[in-house]
């Protein structure tokens, strides 16, 4: 993802945790925060060391980033943090995508209705 689409600063993460809204399913927790400064969404990803070694954690992060690249045009301009939970480390990339789409629909970050497995 391009630099403008990333959340890297700890202060930004803390602001979103404190002021944002959270939704979750078994595999992911998603925090969203309306940041009026940005014209597009920004993404922060958190995968704990409890989930596995670096290879496993990077696989999960790549799958999350790929899902956001696929739906880049359909996501509302918000700050979004995705936190992976324990069941995510046993999932395939497609299962991660389905689960993440499910929790993002609950968080209402899509511009329009996205059907399961739909790619634009």
PDB file of N, CA and C in Angstrom:
ATOM      1  N   UNK A   1       0.836  -1.188   0.000  1.00  0.00           N
ATOM      2  CA  UNK A   1       0.000   0.000   0.000  1.00  0.00           C
ATOM      3  C   UNK A   1       0.878   1.248   0.000  1.00  0.00           C
ATOM      4  N   UNK A   2       0.354   2.288  -0.606  1.00  0.00           N
ATOM      5  CA  UNK A   2       1.101   3.539  -0.623  1.00  0.00           C
ATOM      6  C   UNK A   2       1.168   4.131   0.781  1.00  0.00           C
ATOM      7  N   UNK A   3       2.153   4.991   0.984  1.00  0.00           N
ATOM      8  CA  UNK A   3       2.377   5.586   2.283  1.00  0.00           C
ATOM      9  C   UNK A   3       1.162   6.341   2.817  1.00  0.00           C
ATOM     10  N   UNK A   4       0.440   7.018   1.949  1.00  0.00           N
ATOM     11  CA  UNK A   4      -0.708   7.824   2.361  1.00  0.00           C
ATOM     12  C   UNK A   4      -1.838   6.957   2.931  1.00  0.00           C
ATOM     13  N   UNK A   5      -1.849   5.666   2.615  1.00  0.00           N
ATOM     14  CA  UNK A   5      -2.907   4.768   3.075  1.00  0.00           C
ATOM     15  C   UNK A   5      -2.544   4.036   4.366  1.00  0.00           C
ATOM     16  N   UNK A   6      -1.396   4.335   4.956  1.00  0.00           N
ATOM     17  CA  UNK A   6      -0.939   3.603   6.139  1.00  0.00           C
ATOM     18  C   UNK A   6      -1.056   4.422   7.412  1.00  0.00           C
ATOM     19  N   UNK A   7      -1.288   3.740   8.506  1.00  0.00           N
ATOM     20  CA  UNK A   7      -1.212   4.344   9.835  1.00  0.00           C
ATOM     21  C   UNK A   7       0.022   3.730  10.485  1.00  0.00           C
ATOM     22  N   UNK A   8       0.985   4.568  10.848  1.00  0.00           N
ATOM     23  CA  UNK A   8       2.225   4.068  11.427  1.00  0.00           C
ATOM     24  C   UNK A   8       2.503   4.618  12.824  1.00  0.00           C
ATOM     25  N   UNK A   9       2.075   5.849  13.083  1.00  0.00           N
ATOM     26  CA  UNK A   9       2.418   6.499  14.345  1.00  0.00           C
ATOM     27  C   UNK A   9       1.640   5.906  15.510  1.00  0.00           C
ATOM     28  N   UNK A  10       2.333   5.704  16.616  1.00  0.00           N
ATOM     29  CA  UNK A  10       1.699   5.194  17.820  1.00  0.00           C
ATOM     30  C   UNK A  10       0.601   6.142  18.293  1.00  0.00           C
ATOM     31  N   UNK A  11       0.824   7.447  18.168  1.00  0.00           N
ATOM     32  CA  UNK A  11      -0.185   8.421  18.607  1.00  0.00           C
ATOM     33  C   UNK A  11      -1.472   8.274  17.800  1.00  0.00           C
ATOM     34  N   UNK A  12      -1.355   7.985  16.495  1.00  0.00           N
ATOM     35  CA  UNK A  12      -2.540   7.760  15.658  1.00  0.00           C
ATOM     36  C   UNK A  12      -3.288   6.497  16.109  1.00  0.00           C
ATOM     37  N   UNK A  13      -2.532   5.433  16.389  1.00  0.00           N
ATOM     38  CA  UNK A  13      -3.141   4.197  16.877  1.00  0.00           C
ATOM     39  C   UNK A  13      -3.895   4.454  18.178  1.00  0.00           C
ATOM     40  N   UNK A  14      -3.262   5.158  19.109  1.00  0.00           N
ATOM     41  CA  UNK A  14      -3.884   5.420  20.414  1.00  0.00           C
ATOM     42  C   UNK A  14      -5.145   6.259  20.276  1.00  0.00           C
ATOM     43  N   UNK A  15      -5.129   7.246  19.396  1.00  0.00           N
ATOM     44  CA  UNK A  15      -6.316   8.079  19.167  1.00  0.00           C
ATOM     45  C   UNK A  15      -7.470   7.238  18.653  1.00  0.00           C
ATOM     46  N   UNK A  16      -7.197   6.368  17.711  1.00  0.00           N
ATOM     47  CA  UNK A  16      -8.241   5.526  17.128  1.00  0.00           C
ATOM     48  C   UNK A  16      -8.771   4.537  18.166  1.00  0.00           C
ATOM     49  N   UNK A  17      -7.881   3.963  18.982  1.00  0.00           N
ATOM     50  CA  UNK A  17      -8.319   3.044  20.035  1.00  0.00           C
ATOM     51  C   UNK A  17      -9.240   3.750  21.027  1.00  0.00           C
ATOM     52  N   UNK A  18      -8.885   4.979  21.403  1.00  0.00           N
ATOM     53  CA  UNK A  18      -9.645   5.694  22.435  1.00  0.00           C
ATOM     54  C   UNK A  18     -10.939   6.295  21.908  1.00  0.00           C
ATOM     55  N   UNK A  19     -10.900   6.901  20.724  1.00  0.00           N
ATOM     56  CA  UNK A  19     -12.053   7.647  20.216  1.00  0.00           C
ATOM     57  C   UNK A  19     -12.877   6.899  19.179  1.00  0.00           C
ATOM     58  N   UNK A  20     -12.314   5.835  18.628  1.00  0.00           N
ATOM     59  CA  UNK A  20     -13.009   5.114  17.559  1.00  0.00           C
ATOM     60  C   UNK A  20     -14.002   4.091  18.068  1.00  0.00           C
ATOM     61  N   UNK A  21     -14.709   3.495  17.131  1.00  0.00           N
ATOM     62  CA  UNK A  21     -15.670   2.445  17.439  1.00  0.00           C
ATOM     63  C   UNK A  21     -15.064   1.101  17.034  1.00  0.00           C
ATOM     64  N   UNK A  22     -15.422   0.047  17.768  1.00  0.00           N
ATOM     65  CA  UNK A  22     -14.873  -1.263  17.445  1.00  0.00           C
ATOM     66  C   UNK A  22     -15.982  -2.264  17.187  1.00  0.00           C
ATOM     67  N   UNK A  23     -15.706  -3.171  16.267  1.00  0.00           N
ATOM     68  CA  UNK A  23     -16.557  -4.326  16.000  1.00  0.00           C
ATOM     69  C   UNK A  23     -15.632  -5.528  15.852  1.00  0.00           C
ATOM     70  N   UNK A  24     -16.182  -6.724  16.069  1.00  0.00           N
ATOM     71  CA  UNK A  24     -15.322  -7.899  16.038  1.00  0.00           C
ATOM     72  C   UNK A  24     -16.090  -9.130  15.590  1.00  0.00           C
ATOM     73  N   UNK A  25     -15.342 -10.094  15.098  1.00  0.00           N
ATOM     74  CA  UNK A  25     -15.828 -11.454  14.937  1.00  0.00           C
ATOM     75  C   UNK A  25     -14.752 -12.349  15.567  1.00  0.00           C
ATOM     76  N   UNK A  26     -14.788 -13.628  15.328  1.00  0.00           N
ATOM     77  CA  UNK A  26     -13.831 -14.518  15.995  1.00  0.00           C
ATOM     78  C   UNK A  26     -12.381 -14.276  15.576  1.00  0.00           C
ATOM     79  N   UNK A  27     -12.164 -13.858  14.328  1.00  0.00           N
ATOM     80  CA  UNK A  27     -10.810 -13.748  13.807  1.00  0.00           C
ATOM     81  C   UNK A  27     -10.225 -12.344  13.859  1.00  0.00           C
ATOM     82  N   UNK A  28     -11.070 -11.308  13.820  1.00  0.00           N
ATOM     83  CA  UNK A  28     -10.565  -9.943  13.722  1.00  0.00           C
ATOM     84  C   UNK A  28     -11.341  -8.971  14.602  1.00  0.00           C
ATOM     85  N   UNK A  29     -10.635  -7.937  15.054  1.00  0.00           N
ATOM     86  CA  UNK A  29     -11.253  -6.777  15.690  1.00  0.00           C
ATOM     87  C   UNK A  29     -10.946  -5.596  14.778  1.00  0.00           C
ATOM     88  N   UNK A  30     -11.950  -4.786  14.481  1.00  0.00           N
ATOM     89  CA  UNK A  30     -11.756  -3.630  13.604  1.00  0.00           C
ATOM     90  C   UNK A  30     -12.170  -2.372  14.355  1.00  0.00           C
ATOM     91  N   UNK A  31     -11.241  -1.427  14.447  1.00  0.00           N
ATOM     92  CA  UNK A  31     -11.518  -0.110  15.014  1.00  0.00           C
ATOM     93  C   UNK A  31     -11.643   0.862  13.855  1.00  0.00           C
ATOM     94  N   UNK A  32     -12.685   1.718  13.900  1.00  0.00           N
ATOM     95  CA  UNK A  32     -12.849   2.738  12.866  1.00  0.00           C
ATOM     96  C   UNK A  32     -12.986   4.098  13.530  1.00  0.00           C
ATOM     97  N   UNK A  33     -12.462   5.101  12.849  1.00  0.00           N
ATOM     98  CA  UNK A  33     -12.503   6.470  13.369  1.00  0.00           C
ATOM     99  C   UNK A  33     -12.652   7.421  12.193  1.00  0.00           C
ATOM    100  N   UNK A  34     -13.618   8.333  12.283  1.00  0.00           N
ATOM    101  CA  UNK A  34     -13.822   9.311  11.213  1.00  0.00           C
ATOM    102  C   UNK A  34     -12.781  10.406  11.321  1.00  0.00           C
ATOM    103  N   UNK A  35     -11.828  10.384  10.414  1.00  0.00           N
ATOM    104  CA  UNK A  35     -10.790  11.399  10.378  1.00  0.00           C
ATOM    105  C   UNK A  35     -11.082  12.313   9.195  1.00  0.00           C
ATOM    106  N   UNK A  36     -11.461  13.534   9.470  1.00  0.00           N
ATOM    107  CA  UNK A  36     -11.889  14.450   8.415  1.00  0.00           C
ATOM    108  C   UNK A  36     -10.735  15.022   7.594  1.00  0.00           C
ATOM    109  N   UNK A  37      -9.513  14.808   8.025  1.00  0.00           N
ATOM    110  CA  UNK A  37      -8.350  15.343   7.303  1.00  0.00           C
ATOM    111  C   UNK A  37      -8.070  14.572   6.014  1.00  0.00           C
ATOM    112  N   UNK A  38      -8.451  13.308   5.976  1.00  0.00           N
ATOM    113  CA  UNK A  38      -8.086  12.453   4.842  1.00  0.00           C
ATOM    114  C   UNK A  38      -9.210  12.361   3.823  1.00  0.00           C
ATOM    115  N   UNK A  39      -8.813  12.224   2.560  1.00  0.00           N
ATOM    116  CA  UNK A  39      -9.769  12.042   1.482  1.00  0.00           C
ATOM    117  C   UNK A  39      -9.970  10.567   1.155  1.00  0.00           C
ATOM    118  N   UNK A  40      -9.226   9.702   1.808  1.00  0.00           N
ATOM    119  CA  UNK A  40      -9.324   8.261   1.593  1.00  0.00           C
ATOM    120  C   UNK A  40      -9.084   7.557   2.924  1.00  0.00           C
ATOM    121  N   UNK A  41      -9.283   6.243   2.927  1.00  0.00           N
ATOM    122  CA  UNK A  41      -9.081   5.496   4.159  1.00  0.00           C
ATOM    123  C   UNK A  41      -7.582   5.351   4.467  1.00  0.00           C
ATOM    124  N   UNK A  42      -7.284   5.124   5.746  1.00  0.00           N
ATOM    125  CA  UNK A  42      -5.927   4.761   6.159  1.00  0.00           C
ATOM    126  C   UNK A  42      -6.039   3.469   6.946  1.00  0.00           C
ATOM    127  N   UNK A  43      -5.054   2.589   6.806  1.00  0.00           N
ATOM    128  CA  UNK A  43      -5.110   1.260   7.393  1.00  0.00           C
ATOM    129  C   UNK A  43      -3.939   1.034   8.337  1.00  0.00           C
ATOM    130  N   UNK A  44      -4.254   0.515   9.507  1.00  0.00           N
ATOM    131  CA  UNK A  44      -3.245   0.050  10.454  1.00  0.00           C
ATOM    132  C   UNK A  44      -3.511  -1.413  10.735  1.00  0.00           C
ATOM    133  N   UNK A  45      -2.470  -2.213  10.791  1.00  0.00           N
ATOM    134  CA  UNK A  45      -2.620  -3.651  11.026  1.00  0.00           C
ATOM    135  C   UNK A  45      -1.811  -4.034  12.253  1.00  0.00           C
ATOM    136  N   UNK A  46      -2.433  -4.820  13.137  1.00  0.00           N
ATOM    137  CA  UNK A  46      -1.757  -5.287  14.340  1.00  0.00           C
ATOM    138  C   UNK A  46      -1.904  -6.799  14.428  1.00  0.00           C
ATOM    139  N   UNK A  47      -0.769  -7.493  14.403  1.00  0.00           N
ATOM    140  CA  UNK A  47      -0.761  -8.947  14.545  1.00  0.00           C
ATOM    141  C   UNK A  47       0.236  -9.278  15.647  1.00  0.00           C
ATOM    142  N   UNK A  48      -0.266  -9.820  16.746  1.00  0.00           N
ATOM    143  CA  UNK A  48       0.544 -10.082  17.931  1.00  0.00           C
ATOM    144  C   UNK A  48       1.512 -11.243  17.720  1.00  0.00           C
ATOM    145  N   UNK A  49       2.589 -11.234  18.482  1.00  0.00           N
ATOM    146  CA  UNK A  49       3.546 -12.338  18.437  1.00  0.00           C
ATOM    147  C   UNK A  49       2.937 -13.623  18.968  1.00  0.00           C
ATOM    148  N   UNK A  50       1.836 -13.523  19.690  1.00  0.00           N
ATOM    149  CA  UNK A  50       1.150 -14.705  20.211  1.00  0.00           C
ATOM    150  C   UNK A  50       0.578 -15.556  19.084  1.00  0.00           C
ATOM    151  N   UNK A  51       0.390 -14.964  17.913  1.00  0.00           N
ATOM    152  CA  UNK A  51      -0.203 -15.690  16.795  1.00  0.00           C
ATOM    153  C   UNK A  51       0.779 -16.608  16.074  1.00  0.00           C
ATOM    154  N   UNK A  52       2.062 -16.416  16.297  1.00  0.00           N
ATOM    155  CA  UNK A  52       3.022 -17.298  15.648  1.00  0.00           C
ATOM    156  C   UNK A  52       4.313 -16.572  15.319  1.00  0.00           C
ATOM    157  N   UNK A  53       5.135 -17.242  14.535  1.00  0.00           N
ATOM    158  CA  UNK A  53       6.421 -16.656  14.164  1.00  0.00           C
ATOM    159  C   UNK A  53       6.236 -15.573  13.097  1.00  0.00           C
ATOM    160  N   UNK A  54       7.322 -14.959  12.681  1.00  0.00           N
ATOM    161  CA  UNK A  54       7.268 -13.837  11.743  1.00  0.00           C
ATOM    162  C   UNK A  54       6.644 -14.241  10.413  1.00  0.00           C
ATOM    163  N   UNK A  55       6.897 -15.442   9.958  1.00  0.00           N
ATOM    164  CA  UNK A  55       6.345 -15.907   8.688  1.00  0.00           C
ATOM    165  C   UNK A  55       4.818 -15.936   8.760  1.00  0.00           C
ATOM    166  N   UNK A  56       4.292 -16.490   9.833  1.00  0.00           N
ATOM    167  CA  UNK A  56       2.839 -16.577  10.019  1.00  0.00           C
ATOM    168  C   UNK A  56       2.217 -15.195  10.122  1.00  0.00           C
ATOM    169  N   UNK A  57       2.832 -14.322  10.909  1.00  0.00           N
ATOM    170  CA  UNK A  57       2.300 -12.968  11.096  1.00  0.00           C
ATOM    171  C   UNK A  57       2.312 -12.192   9.781  1.00  0.00           C
ATOM    172  N   UNK A  58       3.389 -12.308   9.017  1.00  0.00           N
ATOM    173  CA  UNK A  58       3.478 -11.605   7.729  1.00  0.00           C
ATOM    174  C   UNK A  58       2.470 -12.138   6.721  1.00  0.00           C
ATOM    175  N   UNK A  59       2.191 -13.449   6.768  1.00  0.00           N
ATOM    176  CA  UNK A  59       1.182 -14.035   5.880  1.00  0.00           C
ATOM    177  C   UNK A  59      -0.188 -13.426   6.166  1.00  0.00           C
ATOM    178  N   UNK A  60      -0.520 -13.278   7.432  1.00  0.00           N
ATOM    179  CA  UNK A  60      -1.800 -12.685   7.828  1.00  0.00           C
ATOM    180  C   UNK A  60      -1.859 -11.226   7.379  1.00  0.00           C
ATOM    181  N   UNK A  61      -0.774 -10.482   7.595  1.00  0.00           N
ATOM    182  CA  UNK A  61      -0.744  -9.069   7.202  1.00  0.00           C
ATOM    183  C   UNK A  61      -0.877  -8.900   5.688  1.00  0.00           C
ATOM    184  N   UNK A  62      -0.209  -9.759   4.924  1.00  0.00           N
ATOM    185  CA  UNK A  62      -0.311  -9.693   3.461  1.00  0.00           C
ATOM    186  C   UNK A  62      -1.739  -9.950   3.004  1.00  0.00           C
ATOM    187  N   UNK A  63      -2.407 -10.924   3.626  1.00  0.00           N
ATOM    188  CA  UNK A  63      -3.786 -11.247   3.256  1.00  0.00           C
ATOM    189  C   UNK A  63      -4.721 -10.077   3.578  1.00  0.00           C
ATOM    190  N   UNK A  64      -4.514  -9.418   4.710  1.00  0.00           N
ATOM    191  CA  UNK A  64      -5.328  -8.258   5.082  1.00  0.00           C
ATOM    192  C   UNK A  64      -5.106  -7.131   4.088  1.00  0.00           C
ATOM    193  N   UNK A  65      -3.839  -6.816   3.787  1.00  0.00           N
ATOM    194  CA  UNK A  65      -3.527  -5.744   2.829  1.00  0.00           C
ATOM    195  C   UNK A  65      -4.130  -6.029   1.460  1.00  0.00           C
ATOM    196  N   UNK A  66      -4.046  -7.280   1.022  1.00  0.00           N
ATOM    197  CA  UNK A  66      -4.583  -7.665  -0.287  1.00  0.00           C
ATOM    198  C   UNK A  66      -6.088  -7.425  -0.338  1.00  0.00           C
ATOM    199  N   UNK A  67      -6.780  -7.741   0.741  1.00  0.00           N
ATOM    200  CA  UNK A  67      -8.225  -7.523   0.790  1.00  0.00           C
ATOM    201  C   UNK A  67      -8.553  -6.032   0.664  1.00  0.00           C
ATOM    202  N   UNK A  68      -7.761  -5.183   1.295  1.00  0.00           N
ATOM    203  CA  UNK A  68      -8.008  -3.747   1.190  1.00  0.00           C
ATOM    204  C   UNK A  68      -7.649  -3.215  -0.192  1.00  0.00           C
ATOM    205  N   UNK A  69      -6.646  -3.796  -0.846  1.00  0.00           N
ATOM    206  CA  UNK A  69      -6.320  -3.382  -2.214  1.00  0.00           C
ATOM    207  C   UNK A  69      -7.461  -3.722  -3.166  1.00  0.00           C
ATOM    208  N   UNK A  70      -8.057  -4.897  -2.987  1.00  0.00           N
ATOM    209  CA  UNK A  70      -9.155  -5.337  -3.847  1.00  0.00           C
ATOM    210  C   UNK A  70     -10.350  -4.408  -3.709  1.00  0.00           C
ATOM    211  N   UNK A  71     -10.644  -3.965  -2.488  1.00  0.00           N
ATOM    212  CA  UNK A  71     -11.822  -3.137  -2.224  1.00  0.00           C
ATOM    213  C   UNK A  71     -11.482  -1.659  -2.054  1.00  0.00           C
ATOM    214  N   UNK A  72     -10.340  -1.239  -2.561  1.00  0.00           N
ATOM    215  CA  UNK A  72      -9.844   0.128  -2.361  1.00  0.00           C
ATOM    216  C   UNK A  72     -10.871   1.203  -2.735  1.00  0.00           C
ATOM    217  N   UNK A  73     -11.576   1.014  -3.846  1.00  0.00           N
ATOM    218  CA  UNK A  73     -12.530   2.018  -4.331  1.00  0.00           C
ATOM    219  C   UNK A  73     -13.822   2.041  -3.517  1.00  0.00           C
ATOM    220  N   UNK A  74     -14.097   0.969  -2.784  1.00  0.00           N
ATOM    221  CA  UNK A  74     -15.391   0.820  -2.117  1.00  0.00           C
ATOM    222  C   UNK A  74     -15.354   1.161  -0.629  1.00  0.00           C
ATOM    223  N   UNK A  75     -14.216   1.593  -0.121  1.00  0.00           N
ATOM    224  CA  UNK A  75     -14.085   1.838   1.311  1.00  0.00           C
ATOM    225  C   UNK A  75     -14.199   3.334   1.600  1.00  0.00           C
ATOM    226  N   UNK A  76     -15.018   3.647   2.595  1.00  0.00           N
ATOM    227  CA  UNK A  76     -15.255   5.033   3.007  1.00  0.00           C
ATOM    228  C   UNK A  76     -13.973   5.608   3.608  1.00  0.00           C
ATOM    229  N   UNK A  77     -13.802   6.925   3.509  1.00  0.00           N
ATOM    230  CA  UNK A  77     -12.617   7.605   4.043  1.00  0.00           C
ATOM    231  C   UNK A  77     -12.660   7.626   5.568  1.00  0.00           C
ATOM    232  N   UNK A  78     -12.065   6.617   6.180  1.00  0.00           N
ATOM    233  CA  UNK A  78     -11.966   6.494   7.631  1.00  0.00           C
ATOM    234  C   UNK A  78     -10.588   5.960   7.973  1.00  0.00           C
ATOM    235  N   UNK A  79     -10.225   6.126   9.244  1.00  0.00           N
ATOM    236  CA  UNK A  79      -9.037   5.446   9.741  1.00  0.00           C
ATOM    237  C   UNK A  79      -9.492   4.087  10.258  1.00  0.00           C
ATOM    238  N   UNK A  80      -8.817   3.034   9.824  1.00  0.00           N
ATOM    239  CA  UNK A  80      -9.216   1.668  10.156  1.00  0.00           C
ATOM    240  C   UNK A  80      -8.015   0.925  10.728  1.00  0.00           C
ATOM    241  N   UNK A  81      -8.217   0.275  11.874  1.00  0.00           N
ATOM    242  CA  UNK A  81      -7.192  -0.604  12.437  1.00  0.00           C
ATOM    243  C   UNK A  81      -7.772  -2.008  12.479  1.00  0.00           C
ATOM    244  N   UNK A  82      -7.022  -2.962  11.952  1.00  0.00           N
ATOM    245  CA  UNK A  82      -7.429  -4.365  11.970  1.00  0.00           C
ATOM    246  C   UNK A  82      -6.484  -5.106  12.911  1.00  0.00           C
ATOM    247  N   UNK A  83      -7.063  -5.782  13.904  1.00  0.00           N
ATOM    248  CA  UNK A  83      -6.286  -6.578  14.848  1.00  0.00           C
ATOM    249  C   UNK A  83      -6.642  -8.043  14.618  1.00  0.00           C
ATOM    250  N   UNK A  84      -5.646  -8.859  14.352  1.00  0.00           N
ATOM    251  CA  UNK A  84      -5.876 -10.282  14.113  1.00  0.00           C
ATOM    252  C   UNK A  84      -5.940 -11.023  15.443  1.00  0.00           C
ATOM    253  N   UNK A  85      -6.867 -11.958  15.530  1.00  0.00           N
ATOM    254  CA  UNK A  85      -6.996 -12.804  16.714  1.00  0.00           C
ATOM    255  C   UNK A  85      -6.455 -14.200  16.412  1.00  0.00           C
ATOM    256  N   UNK A  86      -6.381 -15.027  17.441  1.00  0.00           N
ATOM    257  CA  UNK A  86      -5.770 -16.351  17.372  1.00  0.00           C
ATOM    258  C   UNK A  86      -6.267 -17.236  16.225  1.00  0.00           C
ATOM    259  N   UNK A  87      -7.582 -17.360  15.969  1.00  0.00           N
ATOM    260  CA  UNK A  87      -8.018 -18.269  14.891  1.00  0.00           C
ATOM    261  C   UNK A  87      -7.509 -17.890  13.503  1.00  0.00           C
ATOM    262  N   UNK A  88      -7.066 -16.645  13.311  1.00  0.00           N
ATOM    263  CA  UNK A  88      -6.621 -16.203  11.988  1.00  0.00           C
ATOM    264  C   UNK A  88      -5.353 -16.921  11.524  1.00  0.00           C
ATOM    265  N   UNK A  89      -4.547 -17.434  12.448  1.00  0.00           N
ATOM    266  CA  UNK A  89      -3.284 -18.043  12.016  1.00  0.00           C
ATOM    267  C   UNK A  89      -3.461 -19.417  11.377  1.00  0.00           C
ATOM    268  N   UNK A  90      -4.631 -20.027  11.509  1.00  0.00           N
ATOM    269  CA  UNK A  90      -4.879 -21.329  10.886  1.00  0.00           C
ATOM    270  C   UNK A  90      -5.680 -21.219   9.599  1.00  0.00           C
ATOM    271  N   UNK A  91      -5.955 -19.992   9.161  1.00  0.00           N
ATOM    272  CA  UNK A  91      -6.822 -19.784   8.007  1.00  0.00           C
ATOM    273  C   UNK A  91      -6.031 -19.587   6.718  1.00  0.00           C
ATOM    274  N   UNK A  92      -6.675 -19.933   5.607  1.00  0.00           N
ATOM    275  CA  UNK A  92      -6.085 -19.661   4.298  1.00  0.00           C
ATOM    276  C   UNK A  92      -6.353 -18.195   3.944  1.00  0.00           C
ATOM    277  N   UNK A  93      -5.735 -17.725   2.876  1.00  0.00           N
ATOM    278  CA  UNK A  93      -5.914 -16.337   2.445  1.00  0.00           C
ATOM    279  C   UNK A  93      -7.380 -16.057   2.096  1.00  0.00           C
ATOM    280  N   UNK A  94      -8.040 -16.990   1.422  1.00  0.00           N
ATOM    281  CA  UNK A  94      -9.451 -16.796   1.069  1.00  0.00           C
ATOM    282  C   UNK A  94     -10.345 -16.757   2.298  1.00  0.00           C
ATOM    283  N   UNK A  95     -10.065 -17.602   3.279  1.00  0.00           N
ATOM    284  CA  UNK A  95     -10.844 -17.588   4.514  1.00  0.00           C
ATOM    285  C   UNK A  95     -10.636 -16.278   5.275  1.00  0.00           C
ATOM    286  N   UNK A  96      -9.395 -15.788   5.272  1.00  0.00           N
ATOM    287  CA  UNK A  96      -9.113 -14.496   5.902  1.00  0.00           C
ATOM    288  C   UNK A  96      -9.895 -13.402   5.186  1.00  0.00           C
ATOM    289  N   UNK A  97      -9.914 -13.430   3.860  1.00  0.00           N
ATOM    290  CA  UNK A  97     -10.638 -12.424   3.084  1.00  0.00           C
ATOM    291  C   UNK A  97     -12.130 -12.448   3.412  1.00  0.00           C
ATOM    292  N   UNK A  98     -12.740 -13.639   3.459  1.00  0.00           N
ATOM    293  CA  UNK A  98     -14.168 -13.745   3.766  1.00  0.00           C
ATOM    294  C   UNK A  98     -14.471 -13.225   5.166  1.00  0.00           C
ATOM    295  N   UNK A  99     -13.654 -13.605   6.129  1.00  0.00           N
ATOM    296  CA  UNK A  99     -13.875 -13.178   7.508  1.00  0.00           C
ATOM    297  C   UNK A  99     -13.699 -11.671   7.655  1.00  0.00           C
ATOM    298  N   UNK A 100     -12.692 -11.127   6.990  1.00  0.00           N
ATOM    299  CA  UNK A 100     -12.432  -9.689   7.067  1.00  0.00           C
ATOM    300  C   UNK A 100     -13.556  -8.897   6.390  1.00  0.00           C
ATOM    301  N   UNK A 101     -14.042  -9.374   5.246  1.00  0.00           N
ATOM    302  CA  UNK A 101     -15.174  -8.720   4.588  1.00  0.00           C
ATOM    303  C   UNK A 101     -16.391  -8.715   5.505  1.00  0.00           C
ATOM    304  N   UNK A 102     -16.614  -9.817   6.202  1.00  0.00           N
ATOM    305  CA  UNK A 102     -17.744  -9.919   7.127  1.00  0.00           C
ATOM    306  C   UNK A 102     -17.652  -8.867   8.221  1.00  0.00           C
ATOM    307  N   UNK A 103     -16.515  -8.742   8.856  1.00  0.00           N
ATOM    308  CA  UNK A 103     -16.374  -7.788   9.961  1.00  0.00           C
ATOM    309  C   UNK A 103     -16.367  -6.348   9.447  1.00  0.00           C
ATOM    310  N   UNK A 104     -15.877  -6.108   8.241  1.00  0.00           N
ATOM    311  CA  UNK A 104     -15.905  -4.761   7.666  1.00  0.00           C
ATOM    312  C   UNK A 104     -17.330  -4.344   7.293  1.00  0.00           C
ATOM    313  N   UNK A 105     -18.154  -5.305   6.879  1.00  0.00           N
ATOM    314  CA  UNK A 105     -19.569  -4.998   6.623  1.00  0.00           C
ATOM    315  C   UNK A 105     -20.258  -4.590   7.918  1.00  0.00           C
ATOM    316  N   UNK A 106     -19.955  -5.278   9.002  1.00  0.00           N
ATOM    317  CA  UNK A 106     -20.532  -4.945  10.306  1.00  0.00           C
ATOM    318  C   UNK A 106     -20.089  -3.541  10.722  1.00  0.00           C
ATOM    319  N   UNK A 107     -18.828  -3.203  10.424  1.00  0.00           N
ATOM    320  CA  UNK A 107     -18.284  -1.885  10.780  1.00  0.00           C
ATOM    321  C   UNK A 107     -18.785  -0.782   9.854  1.00  0.00           C
ATOM    322  N   UNK A 108     -19.470  -1.163   8.775  1.00  0.00           N
ATOM    323  CA  UNK A 108     -20.042  -0.216   7.810  1.00  0.00           C
ATOM    324  C   UNK A 108     -18.980   0.699   7.189  1.00  0.00           C
ATOM    325  N   UNK A 109     -17.939   0.102   6.644  1.00  0.00           N
ATOM    326  CA  UNK A 109     -16.900   0.887   5.986  1.00  0.00           C
ATOM    327  C   UNK A 109     -16.987   0.835   4.456  1.00  0.00           C
ATOM    328  N   UNK A 110     -17.941   0.065   3.927  1.00  0.00           N
ATOM    329  CA  UNK A 110     -18.092  -0.014   2.478  1.00  0.00           C
ATOM    330  C   UNK A 110     -19.062   1.044   1.986  1.00  0.00           C
ATOM    331  N   UNK A 111     -18.786   1.609   0.795  1.00  0.00           N
ATOM    332  CA  UNK A 111     -19.669   2.594   0.167  1.00  0.00           C
ATOM    333  C   UNK A 111     -20.996   1.979  -0.250  1.00  0.00           C
ATOM    334  N   UNK A 112     -20.949   0.737  -0.725  1.00  0.00           N
ATOM    335  CA  UNK A 112     -22.156   0.072  -1.210  1.00  0.00           C
ATOM    336  C   UNK A 112     -22.123  -1.371  -0.768  1.00  0.00           C
ATOM    337  N   UNK A 113     -23.187  -2.093  -1.056  1.00  0.00           N
ATOM    338  CA  UNK A 113     -23.270  -3.491  -0.647  1.00  0.00           C
ATOM    339  C   UNK A 113     -22.279  -4.327  -1.450  1.00  0.00           C
ATOM    340  N   UNK A 114     -21.486  -5.100  -0.746  1.00  0.00           N
ATOM    341  CA  UNK A 114     -20.513  -5.997  -1.374  1.00  0.00           C
ATOM    342  C   UNK A 114     -21.024  -7.418  -1.201  1.00  0.00           C
ATOM    343  N   UNK A 115     -21.116  -8.140  -2.318  1.00  0.00           N
ATOM    344  CA  UNK A 115     -21.542  -9.520  -2.243  1.00  0.00           C
ATOM    345  C   UNK A 115     -20.338 -10.387  -1.939  1.00  0.00           C
ATOM    346  N   UNK A 116     -20.567 -11.524  -1.313  1.00  0.00           N
ATOM    347  CA  UNK A 116     -19.489 -12.410  -0.915  1.00  0.00           C
ATOM    348  C   UNK A 116     -18.653 -12.828  -2.123  1.00  0.00           C
ATOM    349  N   UNK A 117     -17.346 -12.630  -2.021  1.00  0.00           N
ATOM    350  CA  UNK A 117     -16.414 -13.021  -3.070  1.00  0.00           C
ATOM    351  C   UNK A 117     -16.395 -12.091  -4.273  1.00  0.00           C
ATOM    352  N   UNK A 118     -17.094 -10.987  -4.197  1.00  0.00           N
ATOM    353  CA  UNK A 118     -17.156 -10.061  -5.326  1.00  0.00           C
ATOM    354  C   UNK A 118     -15.861  -9.243  -5.426  1.00  0.00           C
ATOM    355  N   UNK A 119     -15.317  -9.175  -6.624  1.00  0.00           N
ATOM    356  CA  UNK A 119     -14.081  -8.431  -6.853  1.00  0.00           C
ATOM    357  C   UNK A 119     -14.344  -7.386  -7.914  1.00  0.00           C
ATOM    358  N   UNK A 120     -13.814  -6.194  -7.711  1.00  0.00           N
ATOM    359  CA  UNK A 120     -14.029  -5.098  -8.654  1.00  0.00           C
ATOM    360  C   UNK A 120     -12.788  -4.836  -9.459  1.00  0.00           C
TER     361      UNK A 120
END
